[in-house]
C-alpha atoms as a PDB file:
ATOM      1  CA  MET A   1     -18.443  21.205 -17.372  1.00  0.00           C
ATOM      2  CA  PRO A   2     -17.224  18.113 -19.195  1.00  0.00           C
ATOM      3  CA  LYS A   3     -14.681  15.956 -17.400  1.00  0.00           C
ATOM      4  CA  GLN A   4     -11.066  16.100 -18.453  1.00  0.00           C
ATOM      5  CA  LYS A   5     -10.302  13.183 -20.890  1.00  0.00           C
ATOM      6  CA  LEU A   6      -7.402  11.002 -19.692  1.00  0.00           C
ATOM      7  CA  ARG A   7      -5.286   8.354 -21.512  1.00  0.00           C
ATOM      8  CA  PHE A   8      -4.057   5.574 -19.244  1.00  0.00           C
ATOM      9  CA  GLY A   9      -1.188   2.946 -19.696  1.00  0.00           C
ATOM     10  CA  PHE A  10      -0.720  -0.104 -17.663  1.00  0.00           C
ATOM     11  CA  ILE A  11       2.783  -1.498 -16.621  1.00  0.00           C
ATOM     12  CA  GLY A  12       2.151  -5.019 -15.358  1.00  0.00           C
ATOM     13  CA  CYS A  13      -1.135  -6.749 -16.391  1.00  0.00           C
ATOM     14  CA  GLY A  14      -1.626  -9.494 -13.904  1.00  0.00           C
ATOM     15  CA  GLY A  15      -4.688  -9.960 -11.763  1.00  0.00           C
ATOM     16  CA  ASN A  16      -4.187  -6.939  -9.628  1.00  0.00           C
ATOM     17  CA  ALA A  17      -3.872  -4.684 -12.689  1.00  0.00           C
ATOM     18  CA  ARG A  18      -7.081  -6.204 -14.180  1.00  0.00           C
ATOM     19  CA  GLY A  19      -8.952  -4.993 -11.106  1.00  0.00           C
ATOM     20  CA  HIS A  20      -7.391  -1.524 -11.753  1.00  0.00           C
ATOM     21  CA  GLY A  21      -8.405  -1.764 -15.434  1.00  0.00           C
ATOM     22  CA  ARG A  22     -11.996  -2.524 -14.662  1.00  0.00           C
ATOM     23  CA  GLY A  23     -11.960   0.367 -12.215  1.00  0.00           C
ATOM     24  CA  VAL A  24     -10.675   3.007 -14.527  1.00  0.00           C
ATOM     25  CA  SER A  25     -12.655   1.858 -17.488  1.00  0.00           C
ATOM     26  CA  ARG A  26     -15.967   2.584 -15.660  1.00  0.00           C
ATOM     27  CA  ASP A  27     -15.155   6.357 -16.315  1.00  0.00           C
ATOM     28  CA  GLU A  28     -16.330   7.020 -19.875  1.00  0.00           C
ATOM     29  CA  ASP A  29     -13.672   9.764 -20.178  1.00  0.00           C
ATOM     30  CA  ILE A  30     -10.850   7.407 -19.566  1.00  0.00           C
ATOM     31  CA  GLU A  31      -9.245   5.629 -22.392  1.00  0.00           C
ATOM     32  CA  ILE A  32      -6.689   2.821 -21.939  1.00  0.00           C
ATOM     33  CA  VAL A  33      -4.132   3.373 -24.671  1.00  0.00           C
ATOM     34  CA  GLY A  34      -1.322   0.927 -23.885  1.00  0.00           C
ATOM     35  CA  LEU A  35      -0.441  -2.221 -21.830  1.00  0.00           C
ATOM     36  CA  ALA A  36       2.993  -3.396 -21.057  1.00  0.00           C
ATOM     37  CA  ASP A  37       3.924  -6.828 -19.710  1.00  0.00           C
ATOM     38  CA  PRO A  38       6.525  -9.459 -20.765  1.00  0.00           C
ATOM     39  CA  SER A  39       3.871 -12.178 -20.534  1.00  0.00           C
ATOM     40  CA  GLU A  40       1.569 -12.738 -23.596  1.00  0.00           C
ATOM     41  CA  ASN A  41      -0.884 -14.529 -21.381  1.00  0.00           C
ATOM     42  CA  ALA A  42      -1.113 -11.590 -18.891  1.00  0.00           C
ATOM     43  CA  LEU A  43      -1.822  -9.177 -21.757  1.00  0.00           C
ATOM     44  CA  LYS A  44      -4.331 -11.552 -23.249  1.00  0.00           C
ATOM     45  CA  ALA A  45      -6.200 -12.002 -19.896  1.00  0.00           C
ATOM     46  CA  PHE A  46      -6.207  -8.284 -19.315  1.00  0.00           C
ATOM     47  CA  ARG A  47      -7.799  -7.647 -22.658  1.00  0.00           C
ATOM     48  CA  GLU A  48     -10.470 -10.201 -22.037  1.00  0.00           C
ATOM     49  CA  THR A  49     -11.191  -9.176 -18.405  1.00  0.00           C
ATOM     50  CA  VAL A  50     -11.351  -5.436 -18.976  1.00  0.00           C
ATOM     51  CA  GLY A  51     -13.083  -5.725 -22.493  1.00  0.00           C
ATOM     52  CA  LEU A  52     -10.396  -4.179 -24.661  1.00  0.00           C
ATOM     53  CA  ASP A  53     -10.283  -4.969 -28.335  1.00  0.00           C
ATOM     54  CA  ASP A  54      -7.224  -5.498 -30.493  1.00  0.00           C
ATOM     55  CA  SER A  55      -6.842  -1.801 -31.243  1.00  0.00           C
ATOM     56  CA  VAL A  56      -5.171  -1.150 -27.908  1.00  0.00           C
ATOM     57  CA  PRO A  57      -1.399  -1.888 -28.410  1.00  0.00           C
ATOM     58  CA  THR A  58       0.579  -4.164 -26.240  1.00  0.00           C
ATOM     59  CA  TYR A  59       4.369  -4.130 -25.444  1.00  0.00           C
ATOM     60  CA  ALA A  60       6.777  -6.474 -23.764  1.00  0.00           C
ATOM     61  CA  ASP A  61       8.816  -3.398 -22.738  1.00  0.00           C
ATOM     62  CA  HIS A  62       7.402  -0.575 -20.545  1.00  0.00           C
ATOM     63  CA  ASP A  63       9.735   2.083 -21.963  1.00  0.00           C
ATOM     64  CA  GLU A  64       8.640   1.434 -25.541  1.00  0.00           C
ATOM     65  CA  MET A  65       4.884   1.735 -24.411  1.00  0.00           C
ATOM     66  CA  LEU A  66       5.611   5.097 -22.777  1.00  0.00           C
ATOM     67  CA  ALA A  67       7.494   6.402 -25.598  1.00  0.00           C
ATOM     68  CA  THR A  68       4.958   5.194 -28.263  1.00  0.00           C
ATOM     69  CA  VAL A  69       1.575   5.924 -26.817  1.00  0.00           C
ATOM     70  CA  ARG A  70       2.482   8.806 -24.404  1.00  0.00           C
ATOM     71  CA  PRO A  71      -0.265   8.273 -21.731  1.00  0.00           C
ATOM     72  CA  ASP A  72      -1.153  10.919 -19.333  1.00  0.00           C
ATOM     73  CA  ALA A  73      -1.100   8.458 -16.394  1.00  0.00           C
ATOM     74  CA  VAL A  74       0.140   5.091 -15.571  1.00  0.00           C
ATOM     75  CA  VAL A  75      -0.955   2.248 -13.301  1.00  0.00           C
ATOM     76  CA  ILE A  76       1.941   0.169 -12.098  1.00  0.00           C
ATOM     77  CA  SER A  77       1.105  -3.380 -10.922  1.00  0.00           C
ATOM     78  CA  SER A  78       4.530  -5.007 -11.544  1.00  0.00           C
ATOM     79  CA  PRO A  79       6.495  -7.167  -9.000  1.00  0.00           C
ATOM     80  CA  HIS A  80       7.715  -5.048  -6.130  1.00  0.00           C
ATOM     81  CA  GLY A  81      11.285  -5.143  -7.026  1.00  0.00           C
ATOM     82  CA  LEU A  82      10.539  -3.420 -10.413  1.00  0.00           C
ATOM     83  CA  HIS A  83       8.458  -0.707  -8.992  1.00  0.00           C
ATOM     84  CA  PHE A  84      11.401   1.795  -8.709  1.00  0.00           C
ATOM     85  CA  GLU A  85      12.413   1.515 -12.317  1.00  0.00           C
ATOM     86  CA  HIS A  86       8.875   1.669 -13.509  1.00  0.00           C
ATOM     87  CA  ILE A  87       8.003   4.630 -11.418  1.00  0.00           C
ATOM     88  CA  MET A  88      11.004   6.666 -12.530  1.00  0.00           C
ATOM     89  CA  SER A  89      10.459   5.830 -16.108  1.00  0.00           C
ATOM     90  CA  ALA A  90       6.783   6.836 -16.002  1.00  0.00           C
ATOM     91  CA  LEU A  91       7.625  10.219 -14.168  1.00  0.00           C
ATOM     92  CA  ASP A  92      10.412  10.938 -16.660  1.00  0.00           C
ATOM     93  CA  ALA A  93       7.844  10.362 -19.401  1.00  0.00           C
ATOM     94  CA  GLY A  94       5.498  12.981 -17.991  1.00  0.00           C
ATOM     95  CA  CYS A  95       2.978  10.481 -16.477  1.00  0.00           C
ATOM     96  CA  HIS A  96       1.040  10.746 -13.315  1.00  0.00           C
ATOM     97  CA  VAL A  97       1.639   7.383 -11.400  1.00  0.00           C
ATOM     98  CA  HIS A  98      -0.616   5.078  -9.463  1.00  0.00           C
ATOM     99  CA  THR A  99       1.700   2.369  -8.067  1.00  0.00           C
ATOM    100  CA  GLU A 100       0.660  -0.683  -6.230  1.00  0.00           C
ATOM    101  CA  LYS A 101       2.181  -1.329  -2.762  1.00  0.00           C
ATOM    102  CA  PRO A 102       4.898  -1.314  -1.627  1.00  0.00           C
ATOM    103  CA  MET A 103       5.916   1.958  -3.367  1.00  0.00           C
ATOM    104  CA  VAL A 104       9.540   0.794  -3.529  1.00  0.00           C
ATOM    105  CA  CYS A 105      11.813  -1.734  -1.658  1.00  0.00           C
ATOM    106  CA  THR A 106      14.597   0.451  -0.297  1.00  0.00           C
ATOM    107  CA  VAL A 107      14.744   3.788   1.638  1.00  0.00           C
ATOM    108  CA  ASP A 108      17.247   5.165  -1.010  1.00  0.00           C
ATOM    109  CA  HIS A 109      14.795   4.482  -3.809  1.00  0.00           C
ATOM    110  CA  ALA A 110      12.031   6.178  -1.897  1.00  0.00           C
ATOM    111  CA  LYS A 111      14.005   9.241  -1.496  1.00  0.00           C
ATOM    112  CA  GLN A 112      14.743   9.254  -5.215  1.00  0.00           C
ATOM    113  CA  VAL A 113      11.083   8.820  -6.098  1.00  0.00           C
ATOM    114  CA  MET A 114      10.236  11.693  -3.662  1.00  0.00           C
ATOM    115  CA  ALA A 115      12.803  14.045  -5.251  1.00  0.00           C
ATOM    116  CA  LYS A 116      11.565  13.089  -8.730  1.00  0.00           C
ATOM    117  CA  VAL A 117       7.831  13.794  -7.801  1.00  0.00           C
ATOM    118  CA  GLU A 118       8.898  17.194  -6.566  1.00  0.00           C
ATOM    119  CA  GLU A 119      10.939  18.046  -9.550  1.00  0.00           C
ATOM    120  CA  THR A 120       8.168  17.102 -12.016  1.00  0.00           C
ATOM    121  CA  GLY A 121       5.236  18.239 -10.180  1.00  0.00           C
ATOM    122  CA  LEU A 122       3.262  15.142 -11.128  1.00  0.00           C
ATOM    123  CA  HIS A 123       0.906  13.090  -8.922  1.00  0.00           C
ATOM    124  CA  LEU A 124       2.037   9.726  -7.468  1.00  0.00           C
ATOM    125  CA  MET A 125      -0.454   7.703  -5.365  1.00  0.00           C
ATOM    126  CA  ILE A 126       0.117   4.281  -3.718  1.00  0.00           C
ATOM    127  CA  GLY A 127      -2.379   1.519  -3.654  1.00  0.00           C
ATOM    128  CA  TYR A 128      -2.975   1.459   0.251  1.00  0.00           C
ATOM    129  CA  GLN A 129      -6.612   1.383   0.037  1.00  0.00           C
ATOM    130  CA  ARG A 130      -7.321   1.255   3.837  1.00  0.00           C
ATOM    131  CA  HIS A 131      -6.828   5.216   3.786  1.00  0.00           C
ATOM    132  CA  LEU A 132     -10.141   5.199   1.994  1.00  0.00           C
ATOM    133  CA  SER A 133     -11.824   2.626   4.304  1.00  0.00           C
ATOM    134  CA  PRO A 134     -14.479   4.287   6.525  1.00  0.00           C
ATOM    135  CA  ALA A 135     -13.384   2.114   9.594  1.00  0.00           C
ATOM    136  CA  TYR A 136      -9.796   3.218   9.493  1.00  0.00           C
ATOM    137  CA  GLN A 137     -10.758   6.803   8.677  1.00  0.00           C
ATOM    138  CA  TYR A 138     -12.925   6.677  11.746  1.00  0.00           C
ATOM    139  CA  CYS A 139     -10.087   5.315  13.825  1.00  0.00           C
ATOM    140  CA  ARG A 140      -7.596   8.064  12.649  1.00  0.00           C
ATOM    141  CA  ASN A 141     -10.106  10.699  13.250  1.00  0.00           C
ATOM    142  CA  VAL A 142     -10.752   9.506  16.897  1.00  0.00           C
ATOM    143  CA  VAL A 143      -7.004   9.216  17.475  1.00  0.00           C
ATOM    144  CA  GLN A 144      -6.075  12.654  16.018  1.00  0.00           C
ATOM    145  CA  SER A 145      -8.929  14.460  17.684  1.00  0.00           C
ATOM    146  CA  GLY A 146      -7.708  13.220  21.292  1.00  0.00           C
ATOM    147  CA  GLU A 147     -11.437  12.598  22.184  1.00  0.00           C
ATOM    148  CA  LEU A 148     -10.323   9.263  23.903  1.00  0.00           C
ATOM    149  CA  GLY A 149      -6.870  10.608  25.119  1.00  0.00           C
ATOM    150  CA  LYS A 150      -3.548   9.739  23.933  1.00  0.00           C
ATOM    151  CA  VAL A 151      -2.705   6.304  22.564  1.00  0.00           C
ATOM    152  CA  ASN A 152      -0.918   3.924  24.977  1.00  0.00           C
ATOM    153  CA  PHE A 153      -0.730   0.659  23.042  1.00  0.00           C
ATOM    154  CA  VAL A 154      -1.430  -0.804  19.744  1.00  0.00           C
ATOM    155  CA  ALA A 155      -1.613  -4.436  18.845  1.00  0.00           C
ATOM    156  CA  ALA A 156      -2.032  -5.680  15.180  1.00  0.00           C
ATOM    157  CA  HIS A 157      -1.765  -8.921  13.435  1.00  0.00           C
ATOM    158  CA  GLN A 158      -2.096 -10.272   9.886  1.00  0.00           C
ATOM    159  CA  SER A 159      -2.138 -13.854   8.930  1.00  0.00           C
ATOM    160  CA  GLN A 160      -2.215 -15.434   5.346  1.00  0.00           C
ATOM    161  CA  HIS A 161      -1.562 -18.699   3.494  1.00  0.00           C
ATOM    162  CA  TRP A 162       1.287 -17.005   1.898  1.00  0.00           C
ATOM    163  CA  TYR A 163       4.317 -19.484   2.347  1.00  0.00           C
ATOM    164  CA  ARG A 164       2.659 -22.327   0.509  1.00  0.00           C
ATOM    165  CA  ASN A 165       0.578 -20.344  -2.001  1.00  0.00           C
ATOM    166  CA  GLN A 166       3.599 -18.331  -3.242  1.00  0.00           C
ATOM    167  CA  GLN A 167       6.215 -21.042  -3.447  1.00  0.00           C
ATOM    168  CA  GLY A 168       7.854 -20.762  -6.869  1.00  0.00           C
ATOM    169  CA  LYS A 169       6.321 -17.526  -7.689  1.00  0.00           C
ATOM    170  CA  TRP A 170       7.907 -14.067  -7.845  1.00  0.00           C
ATOM    171  CA  ARG A 171       6.758 -12.837  -4.456  1.00  0.00           C
ATOM    172  CA  GLN A 172       9.297 -15.158  -2.831  1.00  0.00           C
ATOM    173  CA  ASP A 173      12.165 -14.091  -5.258  1.00  0.00           C
ATOM    174  CA  PRO A 174      14.448 -11.867  -3.175  1.00  0.00           C
ATOM    175  CA  PHE A 175      14.815  -9.306  -5.963  1.00  0.00           C
ATOM    176  CA  LEU A 176      11.283  -9.296  -7.574  1.00  0.00           C
ATOM    177  CA  GLY A 177       9.422  -9.475  -4.115  1.00  0.00           C
ATOM    178  CA  GLY A 178      11.836  -6.878  -2.513  1.00  0.00           C
ATOM    179  CA  GLY A 179      11.670  -9.056   0.685  1.00  0.00           C
ATOM    180  CA  GLY A 180       9.087 -11.490   2.100  1.00  0.00           C
ATOM    181  CA  GLN A 181       5.640 -11.239   3.608  1.00  0.00           C
ATOM    182  CA  LEU A 182       6.489  -8.145   5.730  1.00  0.00           C
ATOM    183  CA  ASN A 183       7.058  -6.126   2.519  1.00  0.00           C
ATOM    184  CA  ASP A 184       4.193  -7.759   0.668  1.00  0.00           C
ATOM    185  CA  SER A 185       0.672  -7.938   2.411  1.00  0.00           C
ATOM    186  CA  GLY A 186       2.399  -6.938   5.656  1.00  0.00           C
ATOM    187  CA  SER A 187       3.227  -3.508   4.299  1.00  0.00           C
ATOM    188  CA  HIS A 188      -0.634  -2.708   4.363  1.00  0.00           C
ATOM    189  CA  LEU A 189      -0.515  -3.223   8.099  1.00  0.00           C
ATOM    190  CA  ILE A 190       2.606  -1.072   8.604  1.00  0.00           C
ATOM    191  CA  ASP A 191       1.142   1.737   6.479  1.00  0.00           C
ATOM    192  CA  ILE A 192      -2.153   1.900   8.110  1.00  0.00           C
ATOM    193  CA  LEU A 193      -0.535   1.809  11.697  1.00  0.00           C
ATOM    194  CA  LEU A 194       1.682   4.830  10.781  1.00  0.00           C
ATOM    195  CA  TRP A 195      -1.150   6.660   9.229  1.00  0.00           C
ATOM    196  CA  VAL A 196      -3.760   6.194  11.978  1.00  0.00           C
ATOM    197  CA  LEU A 197      -1.182   7.128  14.706  1.00  0.00           C
ATOM    198  CA  GLU A 198       0.536   9.847  12.620  1.00  0.00           C
ATOM    199  CA  ALA A 199       3.454   9.179  15.082  1.00  0.00           C
ATOM    200  CA  ARG A 200       7.130   8.631  14.412  1.00  0.00           C
ATOM    201  CA  PRO A 201       8.530   5.328  15.270  1.00  0.00           C
ATOM    202  CA  ASP A 202      11.561   5.665  17.438  1.00  0.00           C
ATOM    203  CA  LYS A 203      12.782   2.121  18.057  1.00  0.00           C
ATOM    204  CA  VAL A 204      12.023  -1.272  16.608  1.00  0.00           C
ATOM    205  CA  PHE A 205      12.912  -4.832  17.740  1.00  0.00           C
ATOM    206  CA  ALA A 206      11.983  -7.556  15.442  1.00  0.00           C
ATOM    207  CA  MET A 207      12.357 -11.335  15.218  1.00  0.00           C
ATOM    208  CA  ILE A 208      12.064 -12.870  11.807  1.00  0.00           C
ATOM    209  CA  ASP A 209      11.951 -16.566  10.530  1.00  0.00           C
ATOM    210  CA  ASN A 210      12.408 -17.179   6.821  1.00  0.00           C
ATOM    211  CA  LEU A 211      11.477 -20.944   7.301  1.00  0.00           C
ATOM    212  CA  ASP A 212      13.246 -22.733   4.446  1.00  0.00           C
ATOM    213  CA  ILE A 213      13.023 -19.914   1.738  1.00  0.00           C
ATOM    214  CA  GLU A 214      15.147 -16.743   1.052  1.00  0.00           C
ATOM    215  CA  VAL A 215      12.772 -14.219   2.383  1.00  0.00           C
ATOM    216  CA  ASP A 216      10.824 -13.416   5.508  1.00  0.00           C
ATOM    217  CA  VAL A 217       7.661 -15.363   6.294  1.00  0.00           C
ATOM    218  CA  LEU A 218       7.108 -14.839  10.045  1.00  0.00           C
ATOM    219  CA  THR A 219       7.766 -11.515  11.791  1.00  0.00           C
ATOM    220  CA  ALA A 220       7.309 -10.516  15.469  1.00  0.00           C
ATOM    221  CA  MET A 221       7.920  -6.776  15.853  1.00  0.00           C
ATOM    222  CA  SER A 222       7.686  -4.305  18.800  1.00  0.00           C
ATOM    223  CA  ILE A 223       7.770  -0.550  18.225  1.00  0.00           C
ATOM    224  CA  LYS A 224       8.253   2.447  20.456  1.00  0.00           C
ATOM    225  CA  PHE A 225       6.916   5.757  19.071  1.00  0.00           C
ATOM    226  CA  ASP A 226       8.039   9.212  19.826  1.00  0.00           C
ATOM    227  CA  THR A 227       4.671   9.697  21.615  1.00  0.00           C
ATOM    228  CA  GLY A 228       5.483   7.164  24.107  1.00  0.00           C
ATOM    229  CA  ALA A 229       2.956   4.604  22.552  1.00  0.00           C
ATOM    230  CA  LEU A 230       3.990   0.963  22.317  1.00  0.00           C
ATOM    231  CA  CYS A 231       2.938  -1.463  19.617  1.00  0.00           C
ATOM    232  CA  ASN A 232       3.327  -5.152  18.722  1.00  0.00           C
ATOM    233  CA  ILE A 233       2.816  -6.355  15.167  1.00  0.00           C
ATOM    234  CA  SER A 234       2.544  -9.966  14.037  1.00  0.00           C
ATOM    235  CA  ILE A 235       2.989 -10.842  10.403  1.00  0.00           C
ATOM    236  CA  VAL A 236       2.126 -14.465  10.055  1.00  0.00           C
ATOM    237  CA  GLY A 237       2.953 -15.710   6.508  1.00  0.00           C
ATOM    238  CA  HIS A 238       2.400 -19.531   7.337  1.00  0.00           C
ATOM    239  CA  ALA A 239      -1.348 -19.756   8.185  1.00  0.00           C
ATOM    240  CA  GLN A 240      -4.426 -21.429   6.680  1.00  0.00           C
ATOM    241  CA  GLY A 241      -7.067 -19.605   4.883  1.00  0.00           C
ATOM    242  CA  GLY A 242      -7.230 -16.015   3.364  1.00  0.00           C
ATOM    243  CA  VAL A 243      -5.964 -12.808   4.889  1.00  0.00           C
ATOM    244  CA  GLN A 244      -7.170 -12.297   8.424  1.00  0.00           C
ATOM    245  CA  GLU A 245      -6.397  -8.893  10.343  1.00  0.00           C
ATOM    246  CA  ASP A 246      -6.988  -7.559  13.763  1.00  0.00           C
ATOM    247  CA  PHE A 247      -6.178  -4.022  14.752  1.00  0.00           C
ATOM    248  CA  SER A 248      -6.540  -2.920  18.411  1.00  0.00           C
ATOM    249  CA  ILE A 249      -5.865   0.601  19.767  1.00  0.00           C
ATOM    250  CA  TRP A 250      -5.922   1.237  23.582  1.00  0.00           C
ATOM    251  CA  LEU A 251      -6.077   4.892  24.570  1.00  0.00           C
ATOM    252  CA  GLU A 252      -6.176   6.648  27.954  1.00  0.00           C
ATOM    253  CA  ASP A 253     -10.001   6.875  27.912  1.00  0.00           C
ATOM    254  CA  GLY A 254     -11.116   3.847  25.789  1.00  0.00           C
ATOM    255  CA  GLY A 255     -10.213   1.834  22.857  1.00  0.00           C
ATOM    256  CA  LEU A 256     -10.920   1.046  19.201  1.00  0.00           C
ATOM    257  CA  PHE A 257     -11.029  -2.554  17.888  1.00  0.00           C
ATOM    258  CA  LEU A 258     -11.284  -3.941  14.369  1.00  0.00           C
ATOM    259  CA  ARG A 259     -12.375  -7.416  14.618  1.00  0.00           C
ATOM    260  CA  ASP A 260     -13.086  -9.435  11.462  1.00  0.00           C
ATOM    261  CA  GLY A 261     -14.173  -6.273   9.702  1.00  0.00           C
ATOM    262  CA  GLN A 262     -16.316  -5.084  12.425  1.00  0.00           C
ATOM    263  CA  LEU A 263     -15.321  -1.814  14.298  1.00  0.00           C
ATOM    264  CA  LEU A 264     -15.876  -1.615  18.028  1.00  0.00           C
ATOM    265  CA  ARG A 265     -15.505   1.435  20.327  1.00  0.00           C
ATOM    266  CA  GLN A 266     -15.039   1.436  23.971  1.00  0.00           C
ATOM    267  CA  GLY A 267     -15.592   4.421  26.189  1.00  0.00           C
ATOM    268  CA  PRO A 268     -14.630   5.189  29.854  1.00  0.00           C
ATOM    269  CA  GLY A 269     -15.721   2.315  32.040  1.00  0.00           C
ATOM    270  CA  GLY A 270     -17.744   0.715  29.257  1.00  0.00           C
ATOM    271  CA  LYS A 271     -17.603  -2.358  27.106  1.00  0.00           C
ATOM    272  CA  PRO A 272     -16.669  -2.398  23.447  1.00  0.00           C
ATOM    273  CA  THR A 273     -19.729  -1.849  21.281  1.00  0.00           C
ATOM    274  CA  PRO A 274     -20.111  -1.652  17.575  1.00  0.00           C
ATOM    275  CA  VAL A 275     -19.886   1.631  15.851  1.00  0.00           C
ATOM    276  CA  ASP A 276     -23.019   2.531  13.850  1.00  0.00           C
ATOM    277  CA  ASN A 277     -22.445   2.694  10.157  1.00  0.00           C
ATOM    278  CA  ALA A 278     -24.184   6.117  10.086  1.00  0.00           C
ATOM    279  CA  ASP A 279     -21.204   7.366  12.282  1.00  0.00           C
ATOM    280  CA  LEU A 280     -18.510   6.302   9.839  1.00  0.00           C
ATOM    281  CA  PRO A 281     -16.878   8.844   7.326  1.00  0.00           C
ATOM    282  CA  LYS A 282     -17.657   8.286   3.640  1.00  0.00           C
ATOM    283  CA  GLY A 283     -15.331   5.828   2.100  1.00  0.00           C
ATOM    284  CA  GLY A 284     -13.850   5.723  -1.321  1.00  0.00           C
ATOM    285  CA  ASN A 285     -12.149   3.846  -4.156  1.00  0.00           C
ATOM    286  CA  LYS A 286      -8.459   4.143  -4.952  1.00  0.00           C
ATOM    287  CA  ASP A 287      -8.817   4.269  -8.781  1.00  0.00           C
ATOM    288  CA  VAL A 288     -11.511   7.001  -8.516  1.00  0.00           C
ATOM    289  CA  ALA A 289      -9.409   8.790  -6.051  1.00  0.00           C
ATOM    290  CA  PHE A 290      -6.422   8.765  -8.394  1.00  0.00           C
ATOM    291  CA  ILE A 291      -8.504  10.071 -11.211  1.00  0.00           C
ATOM    292  CA  GLU A 292      -9.950  12.797  -9.218  1.00  0.00           C
ATOM    293  CA  LEU A 293      -6.557  13.850  -8.020  1.00  0.00           C
ATOM    294  CA  ILE A 294      -5.332  14.262 -11.566  1.00  0.00           C
ATOM    295  CA  ARG A 295      -8.419  16.311 -12.645  1.00  0.00           C
ATOM    296  CA  GLY A 296      -8.010  18.529  -9.610  1.00  0.00           C
ATOM    297  CA  GLU A 297     -11.332  17.385  -8.169  1.00  0.00           C
ATOM    298  CA  ARG A 298      -9.386  16.152  -5.042  1.00  0.00           C
ATOM    299  CA  THR A 299      -7.075  18.673  -3.550  1.00  0.00           C
ATOM    300  CA  GLU A 300      -5.107  16.264  -1.254  1.00  0.00           C
ATOM    301  CA  ASN A 301      -3.376  13.203  -2.211  1.00  0.00           C
ATOM    302  CA  PRO A 302      -4.894  10.358   0.047  1.00  0.00           C
ATOM    303  CA  ILE A 303      -1.850   8.125  -0.257  1.00  0.00           C
ATOM    304  CA  GLY A 304       1.240  10.079  -1.230  1.00  0.00           C
ATOM    305  CA  VAL A 305       5.001   9.305  -1.557  1.00  0.00           C
ATOM    306  CA  GLU A 306       5.567  10.237   2.032  1.00  0.00           C
ATOM    307  CA  ASN A 307       3.514   7.312   3.023  1.00  0.00           C
ATOM    308  CA  GLY A 308       5.686   5.011   0.879  1.00  0.00           C
ATOM    309  CA  LEU A 309       8.717   6.345   2.441  1.00  0.00           C
ATOM    310  CA  ARG A 310       7.566   5.988   6.071  1.00  0.00           C
ATOM    311  CA  VAL A 311       6.670   2.220   5.384  1.00  0.00           C
ATOM    312  CA  ILE A 312      10.103   1.276   4.030  1.00  0.00           C
ATOM    313  CA  GLN A 313      11.855   3.256   6.668  1.00  0.00           C
ATOM    314  CA  LEU A 314      10.205   1.098   9.339  1.00  0.00           C
ATOM    315  CA  THR A 315      10.558  -2.039   7.304  1.00  0.00           C
ATOM    316  CA  GLU A 316      14.161  -1.666   6.666  1.00  0.00           C
ATOM    317  CA  ALA A 317      14.723  -1.013  10.419  1.00  0.00           C
ATOM    318  CA  ALA A 318      12.911  -4.241  11.234  1.00  0.00           C
ATOM    319  CA  TRP A 319      15.102  -6.300   8.902  1.00  0.00           C
ATOM    320  CA  GLN A 320      18.053  -4.712  10.379  1.00  0.00           C
ATOM    321  CA  SER A 321      16.975  -5.351  13.823  1.00  0.00           C
ATOM    322  CA  ALA A 322      16.322  -9.142  13.039  1.00  0.00           C
ATOM    323  CA  GLU A 323      19.774  -9.453  11.578  1.00  0.00           C
ATOM    324  CA  LEU A 324      21.498  -7.857  14.453  1.00  0.00           C
ATOM    325  CA  GLY A 325      19.340  -9.578  17.179  1.00  0.00           C
ATOM    326  CA  ARG A 326      18.673  -6.286  18.986  1.00  0.00           C
ATOM    327  CA  PRO A 327      16.453  -3.102  18.973  1.00  0.00           C
ATOM    328  CA  VAL A 328      17.536  -0.509  16.535  1.00  0.00           C
ATOM    329  CA  LYS A 329      16.675   3.226  16.139  1.00  0.00           C
ATOM    330  CA  VAL A 330      14.408   3.970  13.101  1.00  0.00           C
ATOM    331  CA  ASP A 331      16.242   6.387  10.762  1.00  0.00           C
ATOM    332  CA  LEU A 332      13.691   8.989   9.686  1.00  0.00           C
ATOM    333  CA  SER A 333      16.100  11.401   7.979  1.00  0.00           C
END
């Protein structure tokens, strides 16, 4: 059977959007029908990178693009603080939505998005690509199966040259960034922690340093889950080099450790050894997964609105804890 043809629009046309543009345009049954971005330079760069000609219309205003070209689906790669407005506009226009992380920047906005998705019956997927990573899928499968017992402790850190690299840019603007490094790259770490454990955070205690800017740069966070598992997370936004991550899970009968992209497994009484690639689940691409979801070729949304709500619930609690200087209960209502 021929594949369903789909018309895509883009809201936000910066570097991240160009990656999505190349991804969706590999499908010969996808047509990019409109681009929205207030920057002429961004629109020009998108055209050149993705290989679009002048027949594809461009707009400074996203609402005008939605009303004029009426796409079937929209990819949102705008600054974090604008996601809520852009998501709601796209859903109101009858579009399926693939939004970059974080979904939104407040719990209230997350709940409004959730209600709108339920009301419209449209698909919303978030760009937390680690859900489609074979290594993280393996960790989730092991944890959820109980084959190594219950989780006792998790330690995770992420470091990035964020403080200097982003100075004067929108990510360090309190509104456009919707917070600092914790809500930017750090939200990937929060998301994958919650997804792998599939547990409810009960209490969080966070210490945060903004250094000399308006948003958080350094975060030290401790979490207690309803399962009894404890967790330490370090978000280091003032480091040299690119993004570095480390993810360690200690279970009753072993452990799982992601070190510099290599997955290690430890069994009872043994040493951590590399997991054979043949034992890993099949990975995926988030643009392909979104297209499959719309076409009905994928029955389950791999990164749905519930994931976005969980991330901002824990993030807001961490901000509150740092402000109060004490542990706080995570409101999961």
